Amino acid sequence: MKVSLIVAMDSDRGIGKNNDLMWHLPNDMRFFKETTLGQIVVMGRKNYESIPEKYRPLPKRENVVLTRNESYVANDCSIFHSLEECLKSYRSEEDRTVFIIGGGEIYRQALGMKIIDEMYISHVNHSYGADTFFPAFDLKDWTIETILEQKKDDRHAASFSVMRYTKK
């Protein structure tokens, strides 16, 4: 089982505000969709609930919601009460990737556990006044490659670059 992380963050490491995305970047959303299709996506409860109902669970992916609430129910999703429990359950999935897709607390836990094999980070070149942030990490532990670059245009409110960070 490979464990990856995927996130978009602004120039201040911001990933959300008021439990919502702060930008509309269609090519970044397309990259997210194409990268995670057919895989396992793991998210915290607040992140799951921030997805508009018509888009959840995320189609053509196995959706996993992490919550401390023992009675929480999310239709067509697997529910786990810890990241450790979740990863243990999917350990035998050798041909699939587990994608950690947020939010902030789940990213913090995953990075702290040092379980991430690769990260896909969309660096959005603007500051949006976020209230939720992606945790700092040590760049020397990663090999970095540019995957996609997008200029600001009539469909994209800001320019951004998608970088792949592979664990050394």
N, C-alpha and C. Protein backbone atom coordinates (compact mmCIF):
# COMPACT_ATOMS: atom_id res chain seq x y z
N MET A 1 0.85 -1.18 0.00
CA MET A 1 0.00 0.00 0.00
C MET A 1 0.89 1.24 0.00
N LYS A 2 0.59 2.11 -0.90
CA LYS A 2 1.29 3.39 -0.97
C LYS A 2 0.41 4.43 -0.29
N VAL A 3 1.02 5.33 0.47
CA VAL A 3 0.28 6.40 1.13
C VAL A 3 0.74 7.73 0.55
N SER A 4 -0.20 8.43 -0.07
CA SER A 4 0.08 9.74 -0.65
C SER A 4 -0.78 10.79 0.02
N LEU A 5 -0.40 12.01 -0.17
CA LEU A 5 -1.14 13.14 0.37
C LEU A 5 -1.35 14.10 -0.79
N ILE A 6 -2.52 14.70 -0.85
CA ILE A 6 -2.79 15.68 -1.91
C ILE A 6 -3.45 16.89 -1.27
N VAL A 7 -2.96 18.08 -1.62
CA VAL A 7 -3.45 19.31 -1.00
C VAL A 7 -3.19 20.49 -1.93
N ALA A 8 -4.03 21.50 -1.83
CA ALA A 8 -3.78 22.79 -2.46
C ALA A 8 -3.65 23.80 -1.33
N MET A 9 -2.59 24.61 -1.39
CA MET A 9 -2.40 25.61 -0.34
C MET A 9 -1.99 26.94 -0.96
N ASP A 10 -2.38 28.01 -0.28
CA ASP A 10 -2.03 29.34 -0.78
C ASP A 10 -0.62 29.72 -0.33
N SER A 11 -0.22 30.93 -0.62
CA SER A 11 1.14 31.37 -0.34
C SER A 11 1.44 31.47 1.16
N ASP A 12 0.41 31.40 2.01
CA ASP A 12 0.58 31.39 3.46
C ASP A 12 0.37 29.99 4.05
N ARG A 13 0.36 28.96 3.22
CA ARG A 13 0.09 27.57 3.60
C ARG A 13 -1.38 27.36 3.94
N GLY A 14 -2.24 28.34 3.60
CA GLY A 14 -3.66 28.23 3.88
C GLY A 14 -4.34 27.20 3.00
N ILE A 15 -5.22 26.40 3.62
CA ILE A 15 -5.94 25.36 2.86
C ILE A 15 -7.46 25.52 2.94
N GLY A 16 -7.93 26.40 3.80
CA GLY A 16 -9.38 26.58 3.89
C GLY A 16 -9.74 27.76 4.76
N LYS A 17 -10.99 28.17 4.63
CA LYS A 17 -11.53 29.26 5.45
C LYS A 17 -13.00 28.97 5.67
N ASN A 18 -13.43 29.02 6.92
CA ASN A 18 -14.83 28.73 7.27
C ASN A 18 -15.27 27.37 6.70
N ASN A 19 -14.37 26.40 6.80
CA ASN A 19 -14.64 25.02 6.34
C ASN A 19 -15.01 24.96 4.86
N ASP A 20 -14.33 25.78 4.05
CA ASP A 20 -14.61 25.81 2.62
C ASP A 20 -13.33 26.10 1.84
N LEU A 21 -13.34 25.76 0.55
CA LEU A 21 -12.24 26.14 -0.33
C LEU A 21 -12.28 27.64 -0.55
N MET A 22 -11.13 28.23 -0.81
CA MET A 22 -11.06 29.68 -0.95
C MET A 22 -10.90 30.13 -2.40
N TRP A 23 -10.83 29.19 -3.34
CA TRP A 23 -10.57 29.54 -4.72
C TRP A 23 -11.28 28.58 -5.65
N HIS A 24 -11.39 28.99 -6.91
CA HIS A 24 -11.95 28.14 -7.96
C HIS A 24 -10.87 27.99 -9.02
N LEU A 25 -10.24 26.82 -9.06
CA LEU A 25 -9.15 26.54 -9.99
C LEU A 25 -9.47 25.24 -10.71
N PRO A 26 -10.20 25.32 -11.84
CA PRO A 26 -10.67 24.11 -12.53
C PRO A 26 -9.57 23.11 -12.88
N ASN A 27 -8.42 23.58 -13.32
CA ASN A 27 -7.36 22.63 -13.69
C ASN A 27 -6.77 21.93 -12.48
N ASP A 28 -6.79 22.59 -11.33
CA ASP A 28 -6.34 21.93 -10.11
C ASP A 28 -7.37 20.88 -9.68
N MET A 29 -8.65 21.21 -9.78
CA MET A 29 -9.69 20.23 -9.46
C MET A 29 -9.61 19.03 -10.40
N ARG A 30 -9.34 19.27 -11.67
CA ARG A 30 -9.19 18.17 -12.63
C ARG A 30 -8.00 17.29 -12.25
N PHE A 31 -6.88 17.92 -11.87
CA PHE A 31 -5.71 17.15 -11.45
C PHE A 31 -6.05 16.29 -10.24
N PHE A 32 -6.73 16.86 -9.26
CA PHE A 32 -7.14 16.11 -8.07
C PHE A 32 -7.99 14.90 -8.46
N LYS A 33 -8.98 15.14 -9.30
CA LYS A 33 -9.88 14.06 -9.71
C LYS A 33 -9.12 12.96 -10.44
N GLU A 34 -8.33 13.33 -11.44
CA GLU A 34 -7.61 12.33 -12.24
C GLU A 34 -6.60 11.55 -11.40
N THR A 35 -5.99 12.21 -10.43
CA THR A 35 -4.97 11.57 -9.60
C THR A 35 -5.59 10.59 -8.61
N THR A 36 -6.76 10.91 -8.09
CA THR A 36 -7.36 10.08 -7.04
C THR A 36 -8.38 9.06 -7.54
N LEU A 37 -8.79 9.13 -8.81
CA LEU A 37 -9.79 8.19 -9.33
C LEU A 37 -9.34 6.74 -9.12
N GLY A 38 -10.26 5.91 -8.66
CA GLY A 38 -9.99 4.50 -8.46
C GLY A 38 -9.20 4.19 -7.20
N GLN A 39 -8.87 5.20 -6.44
CA GLN A 39 -8.04 5.01 -5.25
C GLN A 39 -8.89 5.18 -3.98
N ILE A 40 -8.23 5.14 -2.85
CA ILE A 40 -8.87 5.29 -1.55
C ILE A 40 -8.59 6.72 -1.08
N VAL A 41 -9.63 7.49 -0.79
CA VAL A 41 -9.44 8.86 -0.30
C VAL A 41 -9.86 8.92 1.16
N VAL A 42 -8.96 9.42 2.00
CA VAL A 42 -9.17 9.48 3.44
C VAL A 42 -9.27 10.94 3.84
N MET A 43 -10.36 11.28 4.53
CA MET A 43 -10.58 12.67 4.94
C MET A 43 -11.20 12.73 6.32
N GLY A 44 -11.00 13.84 6.97
CA GLY A 44 -11.66 14.08 8.25
C GLY A 44 -13.13 14.41 8.04
N ARG A 45 -13.89 14.30 9.12
CA ARG A 45 -15.33 14.54 9.06
C ARG A 45 -15.65 15.95 8.56
N LYS A 46 -14.97 16.95 9.08
CA LYS A 46 -15.26 18.33 8.66
C LYS A 46 -14.97 18.53 7.18
N ASN A 47 -13.89 17.92 6.71
CA ASN A 47 -13.57 18.01 5.28
C ASN A 47 -14.66 17.34 4.46
N TYR A 48 -15.09 16.17 4.89
CA TYR A 48 -16.17 15.46 4.18
C TYR A 48 -17.43 16.32 4.12
N GLU A 49 -17.80 16.90 5.25
CA GLU A 49 -19.03 17.70 5.31
C GLU A 49 -18.91 19.00 4.53
N SER A 50 -17.69 19.44 4.23
CA SER A 50 -17.51 20.67 3.45
C SER A 50 -17.72 20.43 1.95
N ILE A 51 -17.72 19.17 1.53
CA ILE A 51 -17.95 18.83 0.13
C ILE A 51 -19.44 18.99 -0.15
N PRO A 52 -19.82 19.73 -1.18
CA PRO A 52 -21.26 19.86 -1.48
C PRO A 52 -21.91 18.48 -1.61
N GLU A 53 -23.11 18.33 -1.06
CA GLU A 53 -23.79 17.03 -1.02
C GLU A 53 -23.85 16.34 -2.37
N LYS A 54 -24.05 17.11 -3.44
CA LYS A 54 -24.19 16.48 -4.76
C LYS A 54 -22.89 15.83 -5.23
N TYR A 55 -21.75 16.15 -4.59
CA TYR A 55 -20.46 15.58 -4.98
C TYR A 55 -19.95 14.52 -4.00
N ARG A 56 -20.73 14.22 -2.95
CA ARG A 56 -20.25 13.23 -2.00
C ARG A 56 -21.17 12.04 -1.91
N PRO A 57 -20.57 10.87 -1.71
CA PRO A 57 -19.13 10.67 -1.65
C PRO A 57 -18.48 10.95 -3.00
N LEU A 58 -17.18 11.21 -2.98
CA LEU A 58 -16.48 11.49 -4.24
C LEU A 58 -16.61 10.27 -5.15
N PRO A 59 -17.13 10.46 -6.36
CA PRO A 59 -17.41 9.31 -7.23
C PRO A 59 -16.15 8.57 -7.70
N LYS A 60 -16.33 7.27 -7.91
CA LYS A 60 -15.29 6.39 -8.47
C LYS A 60 -14.03 6.34 -7.61
N ARG A 61 -14.22 6.53 -6.29
CA ARG A 61 -13.15 6.41 -5.31
C ARG A 61 -13.75 5.77 -4.07
N GLU A 62 -12.95 5.05 -3.34
CA GLU A 62 -13.41 4.54 -2.05
C GLU A 62 -13.22 5.65 -1.04
N ASN A 63 -14.32 6.13 -0.47
CA ASN A 63 -14.29 7.26 0.46
C ASN A 63 -14.21 6.76 1.89
N VAL A 64 -13.28 7.33 2.65
CA VAL A 64 -13.10 7.00 4.06
C VAL A 64 -13.20 8.30 4.85
N VAL A 65 -14.02 8.28 5.90
CA VAL A 65 -14.17 9.44 6.77
C VAL A 65 -13.61 9.08 8.14
N LEU A 66 -12.74 9.95 8.67
CA LEU A 66 -12.21 9.77 10.01
C LEU A 66 -12.96 10.68 10.96
N THR A 67 -13.43 10.11 12.07
CA THR A 67 -14.15 10.89 13.07
C THR A 67 -14.00 10.23 14.43
N ARG A 68 -14.04 11.04 15.48
CA ARG A 68 -14.03 10.49 16.84
C ARG A 68 -15.43 10.08 17.27
N ASN A 69 -16.44 10.54 16.54
CA ASN A 69 -17.84 10.26 16.87
C ASN A 69 -18.16 8.80 16.53
N GLU A 70 -18.37 7.98 17.54
CA GLU A 70 -18.61 6.54 17.36
C GLU A 70 -19.90 6.24 16.60
N SER A 71 -20.85 7.17 16.59
CA SER A 71 -22.14 6.89 15.93
C SER A 71 -22.28 7.62 14.58
N TYR A 72 -21.20 8.20 14.09
CA TYR A 72 -21.26 8.96 12.83
C TYR A 72 -21.55 8.04 11.65
N VAL A 73 -22.41 8.49 10.75
CA VAL A 73 -22.77 7.75 9.55
C VAL A 73 -22.59 8.66 8.34
N ALA A 74 -21.94 8.15 7.30
CA ALA A 74 -21.83 8.86 6.02
C ALA A 74 -22.14 7.83 4.95
N ASN A 75 -23.18 8.07 4.18
CA ASN A 75 -23.62 7.11 3.17
C ASN A 75 -22.51 6.76 2.20
N ASP A 76 -22.38 5.45 1.92
CA ASP A 76 -21.41 4.93 0.95
C ASP A 76 -19.96 5.27 1.29
N CYS A 77 -19.67 5.44 2.57
CA CYS A 77 -18.31 5.70 3.03
C CYS A 77 -17.94 4.70 4.12
N SER A 78 -16.66 4.41 4.21
CA SER A 78 -16.15 3.65 5.36
C SER A 78 -15.84 4.66 6.45
N ILE A 79 -16.12 4.30 7.69
CA ILE A 79 -15.87 5.19 8.83
C ILE A 79 -14.80 4.55 9.71
N PHE A 80 -13.80 5.33 10.07
CA PHE A 80 -12.78 4.89 11.01
C PHE A 80 -12.64 5.97 12.07
N HIS A 81 -12.12 5.55 13.23
CA HIS A 81 -12.00 6.48 14.36
C HIS A 81 -10.56 6.89 14.64
N SER A 82 -9.64 6.40 13.81
CA SER A 82 -8.25 6.86 13.88
C SER A 82 -7.57 6.57 12.55
N LEU A 83 -6.57 7.36 12.25
CA LEU A 83 -5.81 7.16 11.02
C LEU A 83 -5.07 5.82 11.08
N GLU A 84 -4.56 5.46 12.26
CA GLU A 84 -3.86 4.18 12.42
C GLU A 84 -4.77 3.01 12.07
N GLU A 85 -5.98 3.04 12.61
CA GLU A 85 -6.97 1.98 12.36
C GLU A 85 -7.29 1.89 10.86
N CYS A 86 -7.44 3.02 10.23
CA CYS A 86 -7.74 3.07 8.80
C CYS A 86 -6.61 2.45 7.98
N LEU A 87 -5.39 2.87 8.23
CA LEU A 87 -4.25 2.37 7.46
C LEU A 87 -4.04 0.88 7.68
N LYS A 88 -4.26 0.43 8.88
CA LYS A 88 -4.15 -1.01 9.18
C LYS A 88 -5.14 -1.80 8.34
N SER A 89 -6.33 -1.27 8.18
CA SER A 89 -7.39 -1.94 7.42
C SER A 89 -7.04 -2.07 5.93
N TYR A 90 -6.31 -1.10 5.39
CA TYR A 90 -6.00 -1.10 3.96
C TYR A 90 -4.59 -1.60 3.63
N ARG A 91 -3.89 -2.09 4.62
CA ARG A 91 -2.50 -2.52 4.44
C ARG A 91 -2.31 -3.51 3.29
N SER A 92 -3.29 -4.38 3.06
CA SER A 92 -3.15 -5.42 2.03
C SER A 92 -3.48 -4.92 0.62
N GLU A 93 -3.87 -3.67 0.47
CA GLU A 93 -4.23 -3.09 -0.84
C GLU A 93 -2.96 -2.71 -1.60
N GLU A 94 -2.23 -3.70 -2.07
CA GLU A 94 -0.92 -3.45 -2.68
C GLU A 94 -0.96 -2.67 -3.98
N ASP A 95 -2.05 -2.78 -4.74
CA ASP A 95 -2.11 -2.12 -6.04
C ASP A 95 -2.89 -0.80 -6.00
N ARG A 96 -3.21 -0.33 -4.82
CA ARG A 96 -3.95 0.93 -4.70
C ARG A 96 -3.20 1.89 -3.80
N THR A 97 -3.54 3.16 -3.97
CA THR A 97 -2.93 4.21 -3.16
C THR A 97 -3.98 4.76 -2.21
N VAL A 98 -3.57 4.96 -0.97
CA VAL A 98 -4.40 5.67 0.01
C VAL A 98 -4.00 7.13 -0.08
N PHE A 99 -4.95 7.99 -0.44
CA PHE A 99 -4.70 9.43 -0.53
C PHE A 99 -5.28 10.12 0.70
N ILE A 100 -4.43 10.80 1.44
CA ILE A 100 -4.87 11.66 2.54
C ILE A 100 -5.27 12.97 1.89
N ILE A 101 -6.57 13.35 2.01
CA ILE A 101 -7.04 14.55 1.30
C ILE A 101 -7.49 15.66 2.25
N GLY A 102 -7.19 15.54 3.53
CA GLY A 102 -7.46 16.64 4.47
C GLY A 102 -8.52 16.32 5.48
N GLY A 103 -8.79 17.27 6.29
CA GLY A 103 -8.27 18.62 6.37
C GLY A 103 -7.00 18.75 7.21
N GLY A 104 -6.87 19.94 7.79
CA GLY A 104 -5.65 20.31 8.48
C GLY A 104 -5.20 19.34 9.55
N GLU A 105 -6.12 18.89 10.38
CA GLU A 105 -5.77 17.97 11.48
C GLU A 105 -5.30 16.62 10.93
N ILE A 106 -5.96 16.13 9.90
CA ILE A 106 -5.59 14.84 9.31
C ILE A 106 -4.21 14.95 8.65
N TYR A 107 -3.95 16.06 7.97
CA TYR A 107 -2.62 16.28 7.39
C TYR A 107 -1.55 16.27 8.48
N ARG A 108 -1.82 16.97 9.59
CA ARG A 108 -0.87 17.03 10.71
C ARG A 108 -0.57 15.63 11.24
N GLN A 109 -1.64 14.85 11.44
CA GLN A 109 -1.44 13.48 11.95
C GLN A 109 -0.60 12.65 10.99
N ALA A 110 -0.93 12.69 9.70
CA ALA A 110 -0.23 11.87 8.71
C ALA A 110 1.24 12.25 8.61
N LEU A 111 1.53 13.54 8.58
CA LEU A 111 2.93 13.97 8.50
C LEU A 111 3.68 13.61 9.78
N GLY A 112 3.01 13.73 10.92
CA GLY A 112 3.62 13.39 12.20
C GLY A 112 3.94 11.91 12.33
N MET A 113 3.13 11.06 11.70
CA MET A 113 3.34 9.61 11.75
C MET A 113 4.44 9.17 10.78
N LYS A 114 4.88 10.08 9.91
CA LYS A 114 5.93 9.78 8.91
C LYS A 114 5.57 8.56 8.04
N ILE A 115 4.33 8.55 7.56
CA ILE A 115 3.82 7.44 6.75
C ILE A 115 3.67 7.81 5.28
N ILE A 116 3.91 9.06 4.94
CA ILE A 116 3.65 9.55 3.58
C ILE A 116 4.80 9.19 2.65
N ASP A 117 4.47 8.52 1.54
CA ASP A 117 5.46 8.17 0.53
C ASP A 117 5.66 9.30 -0.48
N GLU A 118 4.56 9.99 -0.80
CA GLU A 118 4.65 11.11 -1.74
C GLU A 118 3.53 12.10 -1.44
N MET A 119 3.79 13.35 -1.82
CA MET A 119 2.80 14.41 -1.65
C MET A 119 2.64 15.13 -2.98
N TYR A 120 1.39 15.44 -3.31
CA TYR A 120 1.08 16.31 -4.44
C TYR A 120 0.58 17.61 -3.84
N ILE A 121 1.35 18.67 -4.01
CA ILE A 121 0.98 19.95 -3.41
C ILE A 121 0.80 20.98 -4.51
N SER A 122 -0.41 21.53 -4.58
CA SER A 122 -0.69 22.65 -5.49
C SER A 122 -0.37 23.93 -4.73
N HIS A 123 0.62 24.65 -5.20
CA HIS A 123 1.03 25.91 -4.59
C HIS A 123 0.31 27.04 -5.32
N VAL A 124 -0.70 27.62 -4.67
CA VAL A 124 -1.50 28.69 -5.25
C VAL A 124 -0.82 30.01 -4.92
N ASN A 125 -0.55 30.80 -5.95
CA ASN A 125 0.24 32.03 -5.80
C ASN A 125 -0.62 33.23 -5.43
N HIS A 126 -1.23 33.13 -4.26
CA HIS A 126 -2.07 34.21 -3.74
C HIS A 126 -2.31 33.92 -2.27
N SER A 127 -2.60 34.95 -1.49
CA SER A 127 -2.95 34.79 -0.08
C SER A 127 -4.44 35.05 0.08
N TYR A 128 -5.13 34.14 0.76
CA TYR A 128 -6.59 34.23 0.86
C TYR A 128 -7.12 34.45 2.28
N GLY A 129 -6.26 34.68 3.25
CA GLY A 129 -6.73 34.90 4.61
C GLY A 129 -7.35 33.66 5.24
N ALA A 130 -6.69 32.54 5.08
CA ALA A 130 -7.20 31.25 5.56
C ALA A 130 -7.28 31.19 7.08
N ASP A 131 -8.09 30.24 7.57
CA ASP A 131 -8.11 29.95 9.00
C ASP A 131 -7.66 28.51 9.29
N THR A 132 -7.34 27.76 8.25
CA THR A 132 -6.83 26.40 8.37
C THR A 132 -5.59 26.29 7.49
N PHE A 133 -4.55 25.64 8.02
CA PHE A 133 -3.26 25.66 7.35
C PHE A 133 -2.65 24.26 7.21
N PHE A 134 -1.82 24.12 6.17
CA PHE A 134 -1.06 22.89 5.97
C PHE A 134 0.19 22.98 6.83
N PRO A 135 0.52 21.92 7.55
CA PRO A 135 1.68 21.99 8.46
C PRO A 135 3.01 22.11 7.71
N ALA A 136 3.97 22.74 8.36
CA ALA A 136 5.32 22.85 7.81
C ALA A 136 5.96 21.46 7.82
N PHE A 137 6.86 21.24 6.87
CA PHE A 137 7.60 19.98 6.81
C PHE A 137 9.00 20.28 6.31
N ASP A 138 9.92 19.36 6.52
CA ASP A 138 11.32 19.58 6.18
C ASP A 138 11.58 19.21 4.72
N LEU A 139 11.88 20.20 3.90
CA LEU A 139 12.10 19.98 2.47
C LEU A 139 13.25 19.02 2.18
N LYS A 140 14.23 18.95 3.07
CA LYS A 140 15.39 18.10 2.80
C LYS A 140 15.04 16.61 2.78
N ASP A 141 13.86 16.25 3.27
CA ASP A 141 13.42 14.85 3.28
C ASP A 141 12.76 14.42 1.97
N TRP A 142 12.64 15.35 1.01
CA TRP A 142 11.84 15.10 -0.19
C TRP A 142 12.59 15.46 -1.46
N THR A 143 12.33 14.71 -2.53
CA THR A 143 12.75 15.06 -3.88
C THR A 143 11.55 15.75 -4.53
N ILE A 144 11.76 16.89 -5.18
CA ILE A 144 10.65 17.70 -5.69
C ILE A 144 10.67 17.74 -7.22
N GLU A 145 9.48 17.58 -7.80
CA GLU A 145 9.33 17.59 -9.25
C GLU A 145 8.08 18.41 -9.60
N THR A 146 8.17 19.27 -10.61
CA THR A 146 7.01 20.03 -11.06
C THR A 146 6.17 19.16 -11.99
N ILE A 147 4.87 19.06 -11.70
CA ILE A 147 3.94 18.25 -12.48
C ILE A 147 3.12 19.11 -13.44
N LEU A 148 2.71 20.29 -12.97
CA LEU A 148 1.79 21.14 -13.74
C LEU A 148 2.01 22.59 -13.35
N GLU A 149 1.96 23.47 -14.33
CA GLU A 149 2.00 24.91 -14.06
C GLU A 149 0.83 25.56 -14.77
N GLN A 150 0.13 26.42 -14.06
CA GLN A 150 -1.04 27.10 -14.61
C GLN A 150 -0.92 28.59 -14.35
N LYS A 151 -1.04 29.37 -15.40
CA LYS A 151 -1.04 30.82 -15.25
C LYS A 151 -2.44 31.29 -14.88
N LYS A 152 -2.50 32.47 -14.28
CA LYS A 152 -3.78 33.11 -14.00
C LYS A 152 -4.44 33.43 -15.34
N ASP A 153 -5.74 33.14 -15.46
CA ASP A 153 -6.46 33.45 -16.69
C ASP A 153 -7.94 33.64 -16.36
N ASP A 154 -8.79 33.70 -17.38
CA ASP A 154 -10.21 33.98 -17.13
C ASP A 154 -10.91 32.84 -16.36
N ARG A 155 -10.33 31.65 -16.32
CA ARG A 155 -10.92 30.53 -15.57
C ARG A 155 -10.23 30.27 -14.24
N HIS A 156 -9.05 30.85 -14.05
CA HIS A 156 -8.25 30.60 -12.86
C HIS A 156 -7.91 31.94 -12.20
N ALA A 157 -8.43 32.14 -10.99
CA ALA A 157 -8.27 33.41 -10.28
C ALA A 157 -6.83 33.66 -9.84
N ALA A 158 -6.01 32.63 -9.83
CA ALA A 158 -4.61 32.77 -9.45
C ALA A 158 -3.79 31.73 -10.22
N SER A 159 -2.51 32.02 -10.36
CA SER A 159 -1.62 31.02 -10.95
C SER A 159 -1.28 29.99 -9.87
N PHE A 160 -0.89 28.80 -10.31
CA PHE A 160 -0.48 27.77 -9.35
C PHE A 160 0.44 26.77 -10.03
N SER A 161 1.18 26.06 -9.20
CA SER A 161 2.05 24.97 -9.65
C SER A 161 1.75 23.75 -8.82
N VAL A 162 1.65 22.59 -9.48
CA VAL A 162 1.50 21.33 -8.76
C VAL A 162 2.87 20.67 -8.71
N MET A 163 3.31 20.37 -7.51
CA MET A 163 4.62 19.76 -7.29
C MET A 163 4.42 18.38 -6.67
N ARG A 164 5.25 17.43 -7.11
CA ARG A 164 5.24 16.11 -6.47
C ARG A 164 6.48 16.02 -5.58
N TYR A 165 6.25 15.72 -4.31
CA TYR A 165 7.31 15.53 -3.33
C TYR A 165 7.40 14.04 -3.05
N THR A 166 8.54 13.44 -3.38
CA THR A 166 8.74 12.01 -3.15
C THR A 166 9.71 11.83 -1.99
N LYS A 167 9.33 10.98 -1.04
CA LYS A 167 10.17 10.75 0.14
C LYS A 167 11.53 10.20 -0.28
N LYS A 168 12.60 10.80 0.25
CA LYS A 168 13.96 10.34 -0.07
C LYS A 168 14.23 9.03 0.65
